[in-house]
């Protein structure tokens, strides 16, 4: 049987706000890296953006900005989970 302390840790660990925050944080870090180091993506010329709707991001800092916004939202989710923790109901005995 798990101790009450372990149960509280598991409740906080598997809180949906922490899971969503972790996913957004990972995606944000990956996009930020892709924005700062554009050589990770294949090389494009700006003329491709005029004819192909899928290449409209070429020449912009979209990866960098979206990555930073996602990291900010992830921090907001973690802060929300810390400031307003989920209260686990005590099982009836």
N, C-alpha and C. Protein backbone atom coordinates (compact mmCIF):
# COMPACT_ATOMS: atom_id res chain seq x y z
N UNK A 1 0.85 -1.18 0.00
CA UNK A 1 0.00 0.00 0.00
C UNK A 1 0.89 1.24 0.00
N UNK A 2 0.57 2.19 -0.83
CA UNK A 2 1.36 3.40 -0.96
C UNK A 2 1.09 4.33 0.22
N UNK A 3 2.12 5.07 0.59
CA UNK A 3 1.96 6.02 1.69
C UNK A 3 1.19 7.25 1.22
N UNK A 4 0.59 7.99 2.16
CA UNK A 4 -0.14 9.21 1.76
C UNK A 4 0.77 10.23 1.06
N UNK A 5 2.03 10.27 1.44
CA UNK A 5 2.98 11.20 0.81
C UNK A 5 3.19 10.83 -0.66
N UNK A 6 3.33 9.54 -0.94
CA UNK A 6 3.51 9.07 -2.31
C UNK A 6 2.28 9.38 -3.15
N UNK A 7 1.10 9.20 -2.56
CA UNK A 7 -0.14 9.49 -3.28
C UNK A 7 -0.22 10.97 -3.67
N UNK A 8 0.19 11.85 -2.76
CA UNK A 8 0.15 13.28 -3.06
C UNK A 8 1.12 13.64 -4.19
N UNK A 9 2.29 13.01 -4.17
CA UNK A 9 3.28 13.27 -5.21
C UNK A 9 2.75 12.81 -6.56
N UNK A 10 2.12 11.64 -6.60
CA UNK A 10 1.57 11.12 -7.86
C UNK A 10 0.44 11.99 -8.37
N UNK A 11 -0.39 12.51 -7.46
CA UNK A 11 -1.49 13.38 -7.87
C UNK A 11 -0.93 14.64 -8.53
N UNK A 12 0.12 15.21 -7.96
CA UNK A 12 0.71 16.42 -8.54
C UNK A 12 1.48 16.12 -9.82
N UNK A 13 2.13 14.95 -9.87
CA UNK A 13 2.91 14.59 -11.04
C UNK A 13 2.03 14.38 -12.27
N UNK A 14 0.90 13.72 -12.09
CA UNK A 14 0.02 13.41 -13.21
C UNK A 14 -1.13 14.40 -13.35
N UNK A 15 -0.99 15.58 -12.77
CA UNK A 15 -1.96 16.64 -12.98
C UNK A 15 -1.91 17.05 -14.45
N UNK A 16 -3.05 17.20 -15.07
CA UNK A 16 -3.11 17.48 -16.51
C UNK A 16 -2.39 18.78 -16.85
N UNK A 17 -2.36 19.73 -15.93
CA UNK A 17 -1.67 21.00 -16.20
C UNK A 17 -0.17 20.78 -16.35
N UNK A 18 0.39 19.86 -15.58
CA UNK A 18 1.82 19.56 -15.71
C UNK A 18 2.13 18.83 -17.00
N UNK A 19 1.24 17.93 -17.41
CA UNK A 19 1.45 17.18 -18.65
C UNK A 19 1.37 18.12 -19.85
N UNK A 20 0.35 18.97 -19.89
CA UNK A 20 0.21 19.92 -21.00
C UNK A 20 1.37 20.91 -20.99
N UNK A 21 1.76 21.39 -19.82
CA UNK A 21 2.89 22.31 -19.73
C UNK A 21 4.19 21.69 -20.23
N UNK A 22 4.40 20.41 -19.91
CA UNK A 22 5.61 19.73 -20.36
C UNK A 22 5.61 19.58 -21.88
N UNK A 23 4.47 19.20 -22.45
CA UNK A 23 4.40 19.06 -23.92
C UNK A 23 4.63 20.39 -24.62
N UNK A 24 3.97 21.44 -24.13
CA UNK A 24 4.16 22.75 -24.75
C UNK A 24 5.59 23.24 -24.58
N UNK A 25 6.19 22.94 -23.44
CA UNK A 25 7.58 23.33 -23.20
C UNK A 25 8.54 22.64 -24.15
N UNK A 26 8.34 21.35 -24.37
CA UNK A 26 9.22 20.60 -25.29
C UNK A 26 9.09 21.15 -26.71
N UNK A 27 7.85 21.34 -27.16
CA UNK A 27 7.65 21.90 -28.50
C UNK A 27 8.22 23.32 -28.59
N UNK A 28 8.05 24.11 -27.54
CA UNK A 28 8.59 25.46 -27.55
C UNK A 28 10.10 25.49 -27.64
N UNK A 29 10.76 24.60 -26.90
CA UNK A 29 12.23 24.54 -26.96
C UNK A 29 12.69 24.12 -28.35
N UNK A 30 12.02 23.12 -28.93
CA UNK A 30 12.41 22.68 -30.28
C UNK A 30 12.22 23.78 -31.32
N UNK A 31 11.10 24.49 -31.24
CA UNK A 31 10.88 25.58 -32.21
C UNK A 31 11.84 26.74 -31.99
N UNK A 32 12.17 27.03 -30.74
CA UNK A 32 13.12 28.11 -30.46
C UNK A 32 14.50 27.76 -31.02
N UNK A 33 14.91 26.51 -30.84
CA UNK A 33 16.19 26.09 -31.40
C UNK A 33 16.16 26.18 -32.92
N UNK A 34 15.05 25.74 -33.52
CA UNK A 34 14.93 25.83 -34.99
C UNK A 34 14.92 27.28 -35.45
N UNK A 35 14.41 28.20 -34.64
CA UNK A 35 14.40 29.61 -35.01
C UNK A 35 15.76 30.27 -34.88
N UNK A 36 16.51 29.89 -33.84
CA UNK A 36 17.84 30.48 -33.65
C UNK A 36 18.88 29.88 -34.58
N UNK A 37 18.69 28.65 -34.96
CA UNK A 37 19.66 27.96 -35.81
C UNK A 37 18.93 27.53 -37.08
N UNK A 38 18.70 28.44 -38.01
CA UNK A 38 17.93 28.10 -39.19
C UNK A 38 18.61 27.08 -40.10
N UNK A 39 19.90 26.83 -39.88
CA UNK A 39 20.57 25.83 -40.71
C UNK A 39 20.09 24.42 -40.38
N UNK A 40 19.36 24.25 -39.27
CA UNK A 40 18.77 22.95 -38.96
C UNK A 40 17.74 22.60 -40.03
N UNK A 41 17.01 23.62 -40.48
CA UNK A 41 16.05 23.42 -41.56
C UNK A 41 16.80 23.48 -42.88
N UNK A 42 16.23 22.89 -43.91
CA UNK A 42 16.92 22.93 -45.18
C UNK A 42 16.92 24.35 -45.75
N UNK A 43 17.87 24.61 -46.60
CA UNK A 43 18.04 25.94 -47.17
C UNK A 43 16.96 26.23 -48.20
N UNK A 44 16.39 27.43 -48.14
CA UNK A 44 15.36 27.87 -49.09
C UNK A 44 15.77 29.22 -49.66
N UNK A 45 15.25 29.51 -50.80
CA UNK A 45 15.39 30.88 -51.30
C UNK A 45 14.03 31.55 -51.13
N UNK A 46 14.02 32.85 -51.00
CA UNK A 46 12.79 33.58 -50.74
C UNK A 46 11.81 33.55 -51.90
N UNK A 47 12.26 33.23 -53.09
CA UNK A 47 11.35 33.16 -54.24
C UNK A 47 10.36 32.01 -54.08
N UNK A 48 10.72 30.99 -53.31
CA UNK A 48 9.83 29.85 -53.12
C UNK A 48 8.58 30.25 -52.34
N UNK A 49 8.69 31.25 -51.50
CA UNK A 49 7.55 31.66 -50.69
C UNK A 49 6.47 32.32 -51.52
N UNK A 50 6.81 32.89 -52.63
CA UNK A 50 5.83 33.58 -53.46
C UNK A 50 4.90 32.62 -54.18
N UNK A 51 5.38 31.42 -54.51
CA UNK A 51 4.58 30.51 -55.29
C UNK A 51 3.98 29.35 -54.49
N UNK A 52 4.50 29.08 -53.32
CA UNK A 52 4.04 27.93 -52.56
C UNK A 52 3.50 28.39 -51.21
N UNK A 53 2.23 28.11 -50.94
CA UNK A 53 1.62 28.57 -49.69
C UNK A 53 2.22 27.88 -48.47
N UNK A 54 2.79 26.69 -48.64
CA UNK A 54 3.38 25.98 -47.51
C UNK A 54 4.69 26.61 -47.06
N UNK A 55 5.32 27.40 -47.91
CA UNK A 55 6.61 28.01 -47.59
C UNK A 55 6.50 29.48 -47.22
N UNK A 56 5.37 29.91 -46.72
CA UNK A 56 5.18 31.32 -46.39
C UNK A 56 6.03 31.78 -45.21
N UNK A 57 6.51 30.87 -44.38
CA UNK A 57 7.31 31.24 -43.22
C UNK A 57 8.74 31.63 -43.60
N UNK A 58 9.15 31.38 -44.81
CA UNK A 58 10.53 31.64 -45.22
C UNK A 58 10.83 33.13 -45.09
N UNK A 59 11.95 33.42 -44.46
CA UNK A 59 12.37 34.80 -44.29
C UNK A 59 11.77 35.47 -43.07
N UNK A 60 11.00 34.74 -42.27
CA UNK A 60 10.42 35.30 -41.05
C UNK A 60 11.02 34.61 -39.84
N UNK A 61 10.74 35.15 -38.68
CA UNK A 61 11.19 34.56 -37.43
C UNK A 61 10.05 33.82 -36.74
N UNK A 62 9.19 33.17 -37.52
CA UNK A 62 8.00 32.53 -36.96
C UNK A 62 8.35 31.43 -35.98
N UNK A 63 9.34 30.61 -36.28
CA UNK A 63 9.70 29.53 -35.36
C UNK A 63 10.17 30.09 -34.03
N UNK A 64 10.98 31.12 -34.09
CA UNK A 64 11.54 31.72 -32.89
C UNK A 64 10.43 32.31 -32.02
N UNK A 65 9.54 33.08 -32.63
CA UNK A 65 8.47 33.72 -31.86
C UNK A 65 7.48 32.72 -31.29
N UNK A 66 7.06 31.77 -32.10
CA UNK A 66 6.10 30.78 -31.62
C UNK A 66 6.73 29.92 -30.54
N UNK A 67 8.01 29.58 -30.68
CA UNK A 67 8.71 28.82 -29.65
C UNK A 67 8.75 29.55 -28.32
N UNK A 68 9.04 30.85 -28.35
CA UNK A 68 9.07 31.62 -27.11
C UNK A 68 7.68 31.75 -26.49
N UNK A 69 6.66 31.89 -27.31
CA UNK A 69 5.29 31.97 -26.79
C UNK A 69 4.91 30.64 -26.14
N UNK A 70 5.26 29.53 -26.78
CA UNK A 70 4.94 28.22 -26.20
C UNK A 70 5.67 28.00 -24.87
N UNK A 71 6.91 28.44 -24.77
CA UNK A 71 7.63 28.33 -23.50
C UNK A 71 6.94 29.18 -22.44
N UNK A 72 6.49 30.37 -22.80
CA UNK A 72 5.77 31.22 -21.85
C UNK A 72 4.47 30.59 -21.38
N UNK A 73 3.74 29.98 -22.29
CA UNK A 73 2.48 29.31 -21.93
C UNK A 73 2.77 28.10 -21.04
N UNK A 74 3.85 27.37 -21.31
CA UNK A 74 4.22 26.24 -20.47
C UNK A 74 4.55 26.69 -19.05
N UNK A 75 5.27 27.80 -18.93
CA UNK A 75 5.57 28.35 -17.61
C UNK A 75 4.28 28.76 -16.90
N UNK A 76 3.33 29.31 -17.64
CA UNK A 76 2.05 29.68 -17.04
C UNK A 76 1.31 28.45 -16.53
N UNK A 77 1.33 27.34 -17.27
CA UNK A 77 0.68 26.11 -16.82
C UNK A 77 1.34 25.58 -15.55
N UNK A 78 2.68 25.58 -15.50
CA UNK A 78 3.38 25.10 -14.31
C UNK A 78 3.10 26.01 -13.10
N UNK A 79 3.07 27.31 -13.33
CA UNK A 79 2.77 28.25 -12.26
C UNK A 79 1.35 28.04 -11.74
N UNK A 80 0.41 27.83 -12.63
CA UNK A 80 -0.97 27.57 -12.26
C UNK A 80 -1.06 26.29 -11.41
N UNK A 81 -0.34 25.26 -11.80
CA UNK A 81 -0.38 24.00 -11.05
C UNK A 81 0.25 24.16 -9.66
N UNK A 82 1.24 25.03 -9.54
CA UNK A 82 1.89 25.23 -8.24
C UNK A 82 1.03 26.11 -7.34
N UNK A 83 0.48 27.19 -7.89
CA UNK A 83 -0.29 28.12 -7.07
C UNK A 83 -1.68 27.61 -6.69
N UNK A 84 -2.29 26.82 -7.55
CA UNK A 84 -3.62 26.27 -7.26
C UNK A 84 -3.58 24.75 -7.40
N UNK A 85 -2.95 24.04 -6.45
CA UNK A 85 -2.81 22.59 -6.57
C UNK A 85 -4.14 21.87 -6.46
N UNK A 86 -4.20 20.71 -7.08
CA UNK A 86 -5.39 19.87 -7.02
C UNK A 86 -5.47 19.21 -5.66
N UNK A 87 -6.59 19.27 -5.03
CA UNK A 87 -6.78 18.63 -3.73
C UNK A 87 -7.38 17.24 -3.94
N UNK A 88 -6.63 16.23 -3.56
CA UNK A 88 -7.11 14.86 -3.71
C UNK A 88 -8.12 14.57 -2.60
N UNK A 89 -9.24 13.95 -3.00
CA UNK A 89 -10.24 13.58 -2.01
C UNK A 89 -9.73 12.40 -1.19
N UNK A 90 -9.99 12.45 0.11
CA UNK A 90 -9.60 11.37 0.98
C UNK A 90 -10.57 10.21 0.79
N UNK A 91 -10.06 8.99 0.63
CA UNK A 91 -10.96 7.85 0.46
C UNK A 91 -11.74 7.57 1.74
N UNK A 92 -13.00 7.17 1.56
CA UNK A 92 -13.81 6.84 2.73
C UNK A 92 -13.33 5.51 3.31
N UNK A 93 -13.27 5.45 4.63
CA UNK A 93 -12.77 4.22 5.25
C UNK A 93 -13.89 3.30 5.70
